[in-house]
Amino acid sequence: MEQSPAHPSYNSQETDRLEELIVNPVVLEITRRRGELDIGATRFVVIRYGTQYQLVMPWRSGHISIGVELADNPLQIADRVGAYLERVS
């Protein structure tokens, strides 16, 4: 897990760690299973918390998690990050 010092978290370090180790992998696994049934997999998941959106994207053998301010558009950010990840994969 790597946190950008330019963008501090709203949460405690322990909360962020548990989210990355437990919550995000479970959310991606259940959405992946649903997506693979008949709608072409999971590209990303957006979770709306009280203070921000959390954008979670499967990548390689894990995931990428990006906190997005409420004033920003997480769908546009997901498209941009997805396009970047396709180029670097």
PDB file of N, CA and C in Angstrom:
ATOM      1  N   MET A   1       0.857  -1.177   0.000  1.00  0.00           N
ATOM      2  CA  MET A   1       0.000   0.000   0.000  1.00  0.00           C
ATOM      3  C   MET A   1       0.892   1.224   0.000  1.00  0.00           C
ATOM      4  N   GLU A   2       0.568   2.176  -0.844  1.00  0.00           N
ATOM      5  CA  GLU A   2       1.347   3.396  -0.922  1.00  0.00           C
ATOM      6  C   GLU A   2       0.410   4.587  -0.953  1.00  0.00           C
ATOM      7  N   GLN A   3       0.625   5.530  -0.058  1.00  0.00           N
ATOM      8  CA  GLN A   3      -0.192   6.740   0.043  1.00  0.00           C
ATOM      9  C   GLN A   3       0.618   7.919  -0.471  1.00  0.00           C
ATOM     10  N   SER A   4       0.052   8.694  -1.347  1.00  0.00           N
ATOM     11  CA  SER A   4       0.738   9.870  -1.855  1.00  0.00           C
ATOM     12  C   SER A   4       0.810  10.936  -0.771  1.00  0.00           C
ATOM     13  N   PRO A   5       1.997  11.431  -0.446  1.00  0.00           N
ATOM     14  CA  PRO A   5       2.105  12.492   0.553  1.00  0.00           C
ATOM     15  C   PRO A   5       1.445  13.795   0.098  1.00  0.00           C
ATOM     16  N   ALA A   6       1.257  13.943  -1.196  1.00  0.00           N
ATOM     17  CA  ALA A   6       0.607  15.154  -1.712  1.00  0.00           C
ATOM     18  C   ALA A   6      -0.898  15.141  -1.477  1.00  0.00           C
ATOM     19  N   HIS A   7      -1.444  13.949  -1.181  1.00  0.00           N
ATOM     20  CA  HIS A   7      -2.886  13.799  -0.984  1.00  0.00           C
ATOM     21  C   HIS A   7      -3.150  12.988   0.284  1.00  0.00           C
ATOM     22  N   PRO A   8      -3.128  13.636   1.426  1.00  0.00           N
ATOM     23  CA  PRO A   8      -3.309  12.898   2.678  1.00  0.00           C
ATOM     24  C   PRO A   8      -4.706  12.287   2.786  1.00  0.00           C
ATOM     25  N   SER A   9      -4.795  11.221   3.555  1.00  0.00           N
ATOM     26  CA  SER A   9      -6.053  10.510   3.752  1.00  0.00           C
ATOM     27  C   SER A   9      -6.909  11.203   4.804  1.00  0.00           C
ATOM     28  N   TYR A  10      -8.224  11.026   4.697  1.00  0.00           N
ATOM     29  CA  TYR A  10      -9.141  11.499   5.725  1.00  0.00           C
ATOM     30  C   TYR A  10      -9.201  10.528   6.896  1.00  0.00           C
ATOM     31  N   ASN A  11      -8.683   9.324   6.703  1.00  0.00           N
ATOM     32  CA  ASN A  11      -8.818   8.251   7.680  1.00  0.00           C
ATOM     33  C   ASN A  11      -7.518   8.032   8.439  1.00  0.00           C
ATOM     34  N   SER A  12      -7.629   7.255   9.516  1.00  0.00           N
ATOM     35  CA  SER A  12      -6.427   6.832  10.221  1.00  0.00           C
ATOM     36  C   SER A  12      -5.685   5.835   9.347  1.00  0.00           C
ATOM     37  N   GLN A  13      -4.419   5.668   9.621  1.00  0.00           N
ATOM     38  CA  GLN A  13      -3.601   4.740   8.837  1.00  0.00           C
ATOM     39  C   GLN A  13      -4.127   3.309   8.963  1.00  0.00           C
ATOM     40  N   GLU A  14      -4.591   2.935  10.156  1.00  0.00           N
ATOM     41  CA  GLU A  14      -5.108   1.585  10.370  1.00  0.00           C
ATOM     42  C   GLU A  14      -6.400   1.356   9.587  1.00  0.00           C
ATOM     43  N   THR A  15      -7.286   2.340   9.547  1.00  0.00           N
ATOM     44  CA  THR A  15      -8.518   2.217   8.775  1.00  0.00           C
ATOM     45  C   THR A  15      -8.203   2.034   7.296  1.00  0.00           C
ATOM     46  N   ASP A  16      -7.301   2.843   6.780  1.00  0.00           N
ATOM     47  CA  ASP A  16      -6.902   2.705   5.374  1.00  0.00           C
ATOM     48  C   ASP A  16      -6.303   1.324   5.102  1.00  0.00           C
ATOM     49  N   ARG A  17      -5.481   0.835   5.998  1.00  0.00           N
ATOM     50  CA  ARG A  17      -4.844  -0.467   5.822  1.00  0.00           C
ATOM     51  C   ARG A  17      -5.891  -1.581   5.765  1.00  0.00           C
ATOM     52  N   LEU A  18      -6.866  -1.545   6.677  1.00  0.00           N
ATOM     53  CA  LEU A  18      -7.913  -2.567   6.679  1.00  0.00           C
ATOM     54  C   LEU A  18      -8.792  -2.484   5.436  1.00  0.00           C
ATOM     55  N   GLU A  19      -9.052  -1.275   4.991  1.00  0.00           N
ATOM     56  CA  GLU A  19      -9.840  -1.105   3.769  1.00  0.00           C
ATOM     57  C   GLU A  19      -9.130  -1.755   2.584  1.00  0.00           C
ATOM     58  N   GLU A  20      -7.819  -1.543   2.486  1.00  0.00           N
ATOM     59  CA  GLU A  20      -7.054  -2.097   1.365  1.00  0.00           C
ATOM     60  C   GLU A  20      -6.882  -3.604   1.468  1.00  0.00           C
ATOM     61  N   LEU A  21      -6.783  -4.140   2.688  1.00  0.00           N
ATOM     62  CA  LEU A  21      -6.560  -5.570   2.863  1.00  0.00           C
ATOM     63  C   LEU A  21      -7.837  -6.397   2.863  1.00  0.00           C
ATOM     64  N   ILE A  22      -8.956  -5.809   3.298  1.00  0.00           N
ATOM     65  CA  ILE A  22     -10.188  -6.586   3.455  1.00  0.00           C
ATOM     66  C   ILE A  22     -11.321  -6.075   2.562  1.00  0.00           C
ATOM     67  N   VAL A  23     -11.714  -4.832   2.755  1.00  0.00           N
ATOM     68  CA  VAL A  23     -12.917  -4.319   2.092  1.00  0.00           C
ATOM     69  C   VAL A  23     -12.771  -4.297   0.578  1.00  0.00           C
ATOM     70  N   ASN A  24     -11.754  -3.640   0.066  1.00  0.00           N
ATOM     71  CA  ASN A  24     -11.627  -3.486  -1.388  1.00  0.00           C
ATOM     72  C   ASN A  24     -11.460  -4.830  -2.117  1.00  0.00           C
ATOM     73  N   PRO A  25     -10.628  -5.759  -1.634  1.00  0.00           N
ATOM     74  CA  PRO A  25     -10.548  -7.050  -2.321  1.00  0.00           C
ATOM     75  C   PRO A  25     -11.876  -7.810  -2.326  1.00  0.00           C
ATOM     76  N   VAL A  26     -12.633  -7.749  -1.223  1.00  0.00           N
ATOM     77  CA  VAL A  26     -13.920  -8.452  -1.169  1.00  0.00           C
ATOM     78  C   VAL A  26     -14.913  -7.813  -2.132  1.00  0.00           C
ATOM     79  N   VAL A  27     -14.976  -6.495  -2.153  1.00  0.00           N
ATOM     80  CA  VAL A  27     -15.883  -5.793  -3.078  1.00  0.00           C
ATOM     81  C   VAL A  27     -15.536  -6.142  -4.520  1.00  0.00           C
ATOM     82  N   LEU A  28     -14.270  -6.129  -4.856  1.00  0.00           N
ATOM     83  CA  LEU A  28     -13.877  -6.469  -6.225  1.00  0.00           C
ATOM     84  C   LEU A  28     -14.184  -7.928  -6.553  1.00  0.00           C
ATOM     85  N   GLU A  29     -13.997  -8.815  -5.612  1.00  0.00           N
ATOM     86  CA  GLU A  29     -14.276 -10.231  -5.874  1.00  0.00           C
ATOM     87  C   GLU A  29     -15.758 -10.463  -6.148  1.00  0.00           C
ATOM     88  N   ILE A  30     -16.631  -9.886  -5.341  1.00  0.00           N
ATOM     89  CA  ILE A  30     -18.060 -10.136  -5.566  1.00  0.00           C
ATOM     90  C   ILE A  30     -18.559  -9.443  -6.827  1.00  0.00           C
ATOM     91  N   THR A  31     -18.031  -8.275  -7.139  1.00  0.00           N
ATOM     92  CA  THR A  31     -18.453  -7.623  -8.383  1.00  0.00           C
ATOM     93  C   THR A  31     -17.847  -8.327  -9.597  1.00  0.00           C
ATOM     94  N   ARG A  32     -16.638  -8.864  -9.453  1.00  0.00           N
ATOM     95  CA  ARG A  32     -16.031  -9.628 -10.548  1.00  0.00           C
ATOM     96  C   ARG A  32     -16.875 -10.861 -10.858  1.00  0.00           C
ATOM     97  N   ARG A  33     -17.270 -11.570  -9.818  1.00  0.00           N
ATOM     98  CA  ARG A  33     -18.086 -12.778 -10.023  1.00  0.00           C
ATOM     99  C   ARG A  33     -19.399 -12.440 -10.710  1.00  0.00           C
ATOM    100  N   ARG A  34     -20.042 -11.369 -10.287  1.00  0.00           N
ATOM    101  CA  ARG A  34     -21.298 -10.961 -10.919  1.00  0.00           C
ATOM    102  C   ARG A  34     -21.057 -10.541 -12.368  1.00  0.00           C
ATOM    103  N   GLY A  35     -20.045  -9.751 -12.592  1.00  0.00           N
ATOM    104  CA  GLY A  35     -19.758  -9.271 -13.938  1.00  0.00           C
ATOM    105  C   GLY A  35     -19.438 -10.375 -14.919  1.00  0.00           C
ATOM    106  N   GLU A  36     -18.757 -11.406 -14.449  1.00  0.00           N
ATOM    107  CA  GLU A  36     -18.379 -12.500 -15.341  1.00  0.00           C
ATOM    108  C   GLU A  36     -19.553 -13.404 -15.706  1.00  0.00           C
ATOM    109  N   LEU A  37     -20.670 -13.288 -15.003  1.00  0.00           N
ATOM    110  CA  LEU A  37     -21.835 -14.108 -15.342  1.00  0.00           C
ATOM    111  C   LEU A  37     -22.344 -13.801 -16.743  1.00  0.00           C
ATOM    112  N   ASP A  38     -22.533 -12.502 -17.035  1.00  0.00           N
ATOM    113  CA  ASP A  38     -23.112 -12.183 -18.336  1.00  0.00           C
ATOM    114  C   ASP A  38     -22.942 -10.729 -18.781  1.00  0.00           C
ATOM    115  N   ILE A  39     -22.163  -9.944 -18.059  1.00  0.00           N
ATOM    116  CA  ILE A  39     -22.055  -8.532 -18.463  1.00  0.00           C
ATOM    117  C   ILE A  39     -20.626  -8.041 -18.644  1.00  0.00           C
ATOM    118  N   GLY A  40     -19.680  -8.947 -18.817  1.00  0.00           N
ATOM    119  CA  GLY A  40     -18.351  -8.547 -19.255  1.00  0.00           C
ATOM    120  C   GLY A  40     -17.379  -8.091 -18.198  1.00  0.00           C
ATOM    121  N   ALA A  41     -17.462  -8.611 -16.993  1.00  0.00           N
ATOM    122  CA  ALA A  41     -16.469  -8.350 -15.940  1.00  0.00           C
ATOM    123  C   ALA A  41     -16.681  -7.011 -15.231  1.00  0.00           C
ATOM    124  N   THR A  42     -15.730  -6.678 -14.395  1.00  0.00           N
ATOM    125  CA  THR A  42     -15.779  -5.441 -13.614  1.00  0.00           C
ATOM    126  C   THR A  42     -14.591  -4.574 -14.005  1.00  0.00           C
ATOM    127  N   ARG A  43     -14.861  -3.367 -14.431  1.00  0.00           N
ATOM    128  CA  ARG A  43     -13.781  -2.425 -14.750  1.00  0.00           C
ATOM    129  C   ARG A  43     -13.400  -1.600 -13.534  1.00  0.00           C
ATOM    130  N   PHE A  44     -14.403  -1.209 -12.743  1.00  0.00           N
ATOM    131  CA  PHE A  44     -14.132  -0.438 -11.530  1.00  0.00           C
ATOM    132  C   PHE A  44     -15.382  -0.424 -10.667  1.00  0.00           C
ATOM    133  N   VAL A  45     -15.192  -0.035  -9.408  1.00  0.00           N
ATOM    134  CA  VAL A  45     -16.283   0.133  -8.461  1.00  0.00           C
ATOM    135  C   VAL A  45     -16.114   1.508  -7.822  1.00  0.00           C
ATOM    136  N   VAL A  46     -17.211   2.239  -7.702  1.00  0.00           N
ATOM    137  CA  VAL A  46     -17.200   3.525  -7.000  1.00  0.00           C
ATOM    138  C   VAL A  46     -18.034   3.375  -5.742  1.00  0.00           C
ATOM    139  N   ILE A  47     -17.427   3.698  -4.606  1.00  0.00           N
ATOM    140  CA  ILE A  47     -18.109   3.659  -3.315  1.00  0.00           C
ATOM    141  C   ILE A  47     -18.252   5.093  -2.831  1.00  0.00           C
ATOM    142  N   ARG A  48     -19.444   5.466  -2.426  1.00  0.00           N
ATOM    143  CA  ARG A  48     -19.651   6.828  -1.918  1.00  0.00           C
ATOM    144  C   ARG A  48     -19.656   6.769  -0.397  1.00  0.00           C
ATOM    145  N   TYR A  49     -18.613   7.304   0.208  1.00  0.00           N
ATOM    146  CA  TYR A  49     -18.575   7.486   1.651  1.00  0.00           C
ATOM    147  C   TYR A  49     -19.054   8.897   1.947  1.00  0.00           C
ATOM    148  N   GLY A  50     -19.171   9.255   3.197  1.00  0.00           N
ATOM    149  CA  GLY A  50     -19.663  10.584   3.539  1.00  0.00           C
ATOM    150  C   GLY A  50     -18.777  11.722   3.055  1.00  0.00           C
ATOM    151  N   THR A  51     -17.464  11.530   3.125  1.00  0.00           N
ATOM    152  CA  THR A  51     -16.539  12.619   2.814  1.00  0.00           C
ATOM    153  C   THR A  51     -15.878  12.515   1.453  1.00  0.00           C
ATOM    154  N   GLN A  52     -16.061  11.389   0.774  1.00  0.00           N
ATOM    155  CA  GLN A  52     -15.404  11.206  -0.518  1.00  0.00           C
ATOM    156  C   GLN A  52     -15.980  10.012  -1.251  1.00  0.00           C
ATOM    157  N   TYR A  53     -15.580   9.879  -2.517  1.00  0.00           N
ATOM    158  CA  TYR A  53     -15.796   8.651  -3.270  1.00  0.00           C
ATOM    159  C   TYR A  53     -14.517   7.831  -3.144  1.00  0.00           C
ATOM    160  N   GLN A  54     -14.654   6.535  -3.232  1.00  0.00           N
ATOM    161  CA  GLN A  54     -13.493   5.658  -3.314  1.00  0.00           C
ATOM    162  C   GLN A  54     -13.615   4.910  -4.630  1.00  0.00           C
ATOM    163  N   LEU A  55     -12.652   5.084  -5.482  1.00  0.00           N
ATOM    164  CA  LEU A  55     -12.603   4.416  -6.777  1.00  0.00           C
ATOM    165  C   LEU A  55     -11.674   3.215  -6.634  1.00  0.00           C
ATOM    166  N   VAL A  56     -12.180   2.019  -6.887  1.00  0.00           N
ATOM    167  CA  VAL A  56     -11.406   0.789  -6.731  1.00  0.00           C
ATOM    168  C   VAL A  56     -11.396   0.071  -8.077  1.00  0.00           C
ATOM    169  N   MET A  57     -10.193  -0.236  -8.547  1.00  0.00           N
ATOM    170  CA  MET A  57     -10.034  -0.858  -9.858  1.00  0.00           C
ATOM    171  C   MET A  57      -9.141  -2.083  -9.750  1.00  0.00           C
ATOM    172  N   PRO A  58      -9.567  -3.219 -10.330  1.00  0.00           N
ATOM    173  CA  PRO A  58      -8.668  -4.371 -10.358  1.00  0.00           C
ATOM    174  C   PRO A  58      -7.461  -4.044 -11.235  1.00  0.00           C
ATOM    175  N   TRP A  59      -6.305  -4.512 -10.795  1.00  0.00           N
ATOM    176  CA  TRP A  59      -5.095  -4.307 -11.594  1.00  0.00           C
ATOM    177  C   TRP A  59      -4.074  -5.354 -11.229  1.00  0.00           C
ATOM    178  N   ARG A  60      -3.582  -6.012 -12.244  1.00  0.00           N
ATOM    179  CA  ARG A  60      -2.620  -7.098 -12.092  1.00  0.00           C
ATOM    180  C   ARG A  60      -3.149  -8.092 -11.067  1.00  0.00           C
ATOM    181  N   SER A  61      -2.384  -8.413 -10.046  1.00  0.00           N
ATOM    182  CA  SER A  61      -2.849  -9.400  -9.069  1.00  0.00           C
ATOM    183  C   SER A  61      -3.475  -8.740  -7.844  1.00  0.00           C
ATOM    184  N   GLY A  62      -3.808  -7.464  -7.944  1.00  0.00           N
ATOM    185  CA  GLY A  62      -4.393  -6.747  -6.812  1.00  0.00           C
ATOM    186  C   GLY A  62      -5.378  -5.702  -7.274  1.00  0.00           C
ATOM    187  N   HIS A  63      -5.243  -4.503  -6.715  1.00  0.00           N
ATOM    188  CA  HIS A  63      -6.149  -3.422  -7.085  1.00  0.00           C
ATOM    189  C   HIS A  63      -5.494  -2.070  -6.844  1.00  0.00           C
ATOM    190  N   ILE A  64      -6.121  -1.069  -7.413  1.00  0.00           N
ATOM    191  CA  ILE A  64      -5.747   0.328  -7.189  1.00  0.00           C
ATOM    192  C   ILE A  64      -6.945   0.996  -6.548  1.00  0.00           C
ATOM    193  N   SER A  65      -6.681   1.810  -5.557  1.00  0.00           N
ATOM    194  CA  SER A  65      -7.738   2.509  -4.840  1.00  0.00           C
ATOM    195  C   SER A  65      -7.406   3.998  -4.821  1.00  0.00           C
ATOM    196  N   ILE A  66      -8.368   4.811  -5.270  1.00  0.00           N
ATOM    197  CA  ILE A  66      -8.133   6.249  -5.381  1.00  0.00           C
ATOM    198  C   ILE A  66      -9.263   6.983  -4.681  1.00  0.00           C
ATOM    199  N   GLY A  67      -8.911   7.842  -3.729  1.00  0.00           N
ATOM    200  CA  GLY A  67      -9.901   8.701  -3.094  1.00  0.00           C
ATOM    201  C   GLY A  67     -10.215   9.867  -4.018  1.00  0.00           C
ATOM    202  N   VAL A  68     -11.495  10.141  -4.205  1.00  0.00           N
ATOM    203  CA  VAL A  68     -11.930  11.209  -5.115  1.00  0.00           C
ATOM    204  C   VAL A  68     -12.805  12.183  -4.329  1.00  0.00           C
ATOM    205  N   GLU A  69     -12.497  13.447  -4.429  1.00  0.00           N
ATOM    206  CA  GLU A  69     -13.284  14.473  -3.749  1.00  0.00           C
ATOM    207  C   GLU A  69     -14.717  14.468  -4.278  1.00  0.00           C
ATOM    208  N   LEU A  70     -15.658  14.842  -3.424  1.00  0.00           N
ATOM    209  CA  LEU A  70     -17.064  14.843  -3.821  1.00  0.00           C
ATOM    210  C   LEU A  70     -17.353  15.799  -4.974  1.00  0.00           C
ATOM    211  N   ALA A  71     -16.572  16.850  -5.097  1.00  0.00           N
ATOM    212  CA  ALA A  71     -16.786  17.822  -6.181  1.00  0.00           C
ATOM    213  C   ALA A  71     -16.296  17.305  -7.532  1.00  0.00           C
ATOM    214  N   ASP A  72     -15.531  16.208  -7.534  1.00  0.00           N
ATOM    215  CA  ASP A  72     -14.984  15.672  -8.775  1.00  0.00           C
ATOM    216  C   ASP A  72     -15.846  14.525  -9.298  1.00  0.00           C
ATOM    217  N   ASN A  73     -15.604  14.126 -10.530  1.00  0.00           N
ATOM    218  CA  ASN A  73     -16.396  13.089 -11.180  1.00  0.00           C
ATOM    219  C   ASN A  73     -15.633  11.761 -11.182  1.00  0.00           C
ATOM    220  N   PRO A  74     -16.018  10.808 -10.327  1.00  0.00           N
ATOM    221  CA  PRO A  74     -15.263   9.553 -10.264  1.00  0.00           C
ATOM    222  C   PRO A  74     -15.342   8.727 -11.547  1.00  0.00           C
ATOM    223  N   LEU A  75     -16.396   8.880 -12.333  1.00  0.00           N
ATOM    224  CA  LEU A  75     -16.502   8.118 -13.584  1.00  0.00           C
ATOM    225  C   LEU A  75     -15.490   8.611 -14.611  1.00  0.00           C
ATOM    226  N   GLN A  76     -15.320   9.910 -14.692  1.00  0.00           N
ATOM    227  CA  GLN A  76     -14.309  10.456 -15.606  1.00  0.00           C
ATOM    228  C   GLN A  76     -12.904  10.044 -15.167  1.00  0.00           C
ATOM    229  N   ILE A  77     -12.667  10.085 -13.871  1.00  0.00           N
ATOM    230  CA  ILE A  77     -11.359   9.686 -13.356  1.00  0.00           C
ATOM    231  C   ILE A  77     -11.123   8.203 -13.630  1.00  0.00           C
ATOM    232  N   ALA A  78     -12.140   7.366 -13.444  1.00  0.00           N
ATOM    233  CA  ALA A  78     -12.007   5.927 -13.718  1.00  0.00           C
ATOM    234  C   ALA A  78     -11.655   5.681 -15.178  1.00  0.00           C
ATOM    235  N   ASP A  79     -12.280   6.405 -16.087  1.00  0.00           N
ATOM    236  CA  ASP A  79     -11.966   6.247 -17.510  1.00  0.00           C
ATOM    237  C   ASP A  79     -10.522   6.628 -17.802  1.00  0.00           C
ATOM    238  N   ARG A  80     -10.060   7.723 -17.221  1.00  0.00           N
ATOM    239  CA  ARG A  80      -8.682   8.178 -17.455  1.00  0.00           C
ATOM    240  C   ARG A  80      -7.667   7.206 -16.863  1.00  0.00           C
ATOM    241  N   VAL A  81      -7.917   6.765 -15.634  1.00  0.00           N
ATOM    242  CA  VAL A  81      -6.997   5.819 -14.998  1.00  0.00           C
ATOM    243  C   VAL A  81      -7.017   4.490 -15.758  1.00  0.00           C
ATOM    244  N   GLY A  82      -8.184   4.023 -16.156  1.00  0.00           N
ATOM    245  CA  GLY A  82      -8.282   2.792 -16.927  1.00  0.00           C
ATOM    246  C   GLY A  82      -7.493   2.848 -18.225  1.00  0.00           C
ATOM    247  N   ALA A  83      -7.597   3.969 -18.920  1.00  0.00           N
ATOM    248  CA  ALA A  83      -6.844   4.138 -20.167  1.00  0.00           C
ATOM    249  C   ALA A  83      -5.343   4.122 -19.903  1.00  0.00           C
ATOM    250  N   TYR A  84      -4.932   4.759 -18.834  1.00  0.00           N
ATOM    251  CA  TYR A  84      -3.499   4.759 -18.473  1.00  0.00           C
ATOM    252  C   TYR A  84      -3.030   3.343 -18.150  1.00  0.00           C
ATOM    253  N   LEU A  85      -3.820   2.625 -17.333  1.00  0.00           N
ATOM    254  CA  LEU A  85      -3.411   1.272 -16.936  1.00  0.00           C
ATOM    255  C   LEU A  85      -3.321   0.336 -18.133  1.00  0.00           C
ATOM    256  N   GLU A  86      -4.182   0.511 -19.117  1.00  0.00           N
ATOM    257  CA  GLU A  86      -4.100  -0.303 -20.331  1.00  0.00           C
ATOM    258  C   GLU A  86      -2.775  -0.053 -21.067  1.00  0.00           C
ATOM    259  N   ARG A  87      -2.311   1.185 -21.039  1.00  0.00           N
ATOM    260  CA  ARG A  87      -1.050   1.523 -21.725  1.00  0.00           C
ATOM    261  C   ARG A  87       0.162   0.950 -21.002  1.00  0.00           C
ATOM    262  N   VAL A  88       0.127   0.893 -19.670  1.00  0.00           N
ATOM    263  CA  VAL A  88       1.303   0.442 -18.925  1.00  0.00           C
ATOM    264  C   VAL A  88       1.281  -1.045 -18.587  1.00  0.00           C
ATOM    265  N   SER A  89       0.189  -1.716 -18.920  1.00  0.00           N
ATOM    266  CA  SER A  89       0.108  -3.156 -18.586  1.00  0.00           C
ATOM    267  C   SER A  89       0.966  -3.991 -19.476  1.00  0.00           C
TER     268      SER A  89
END
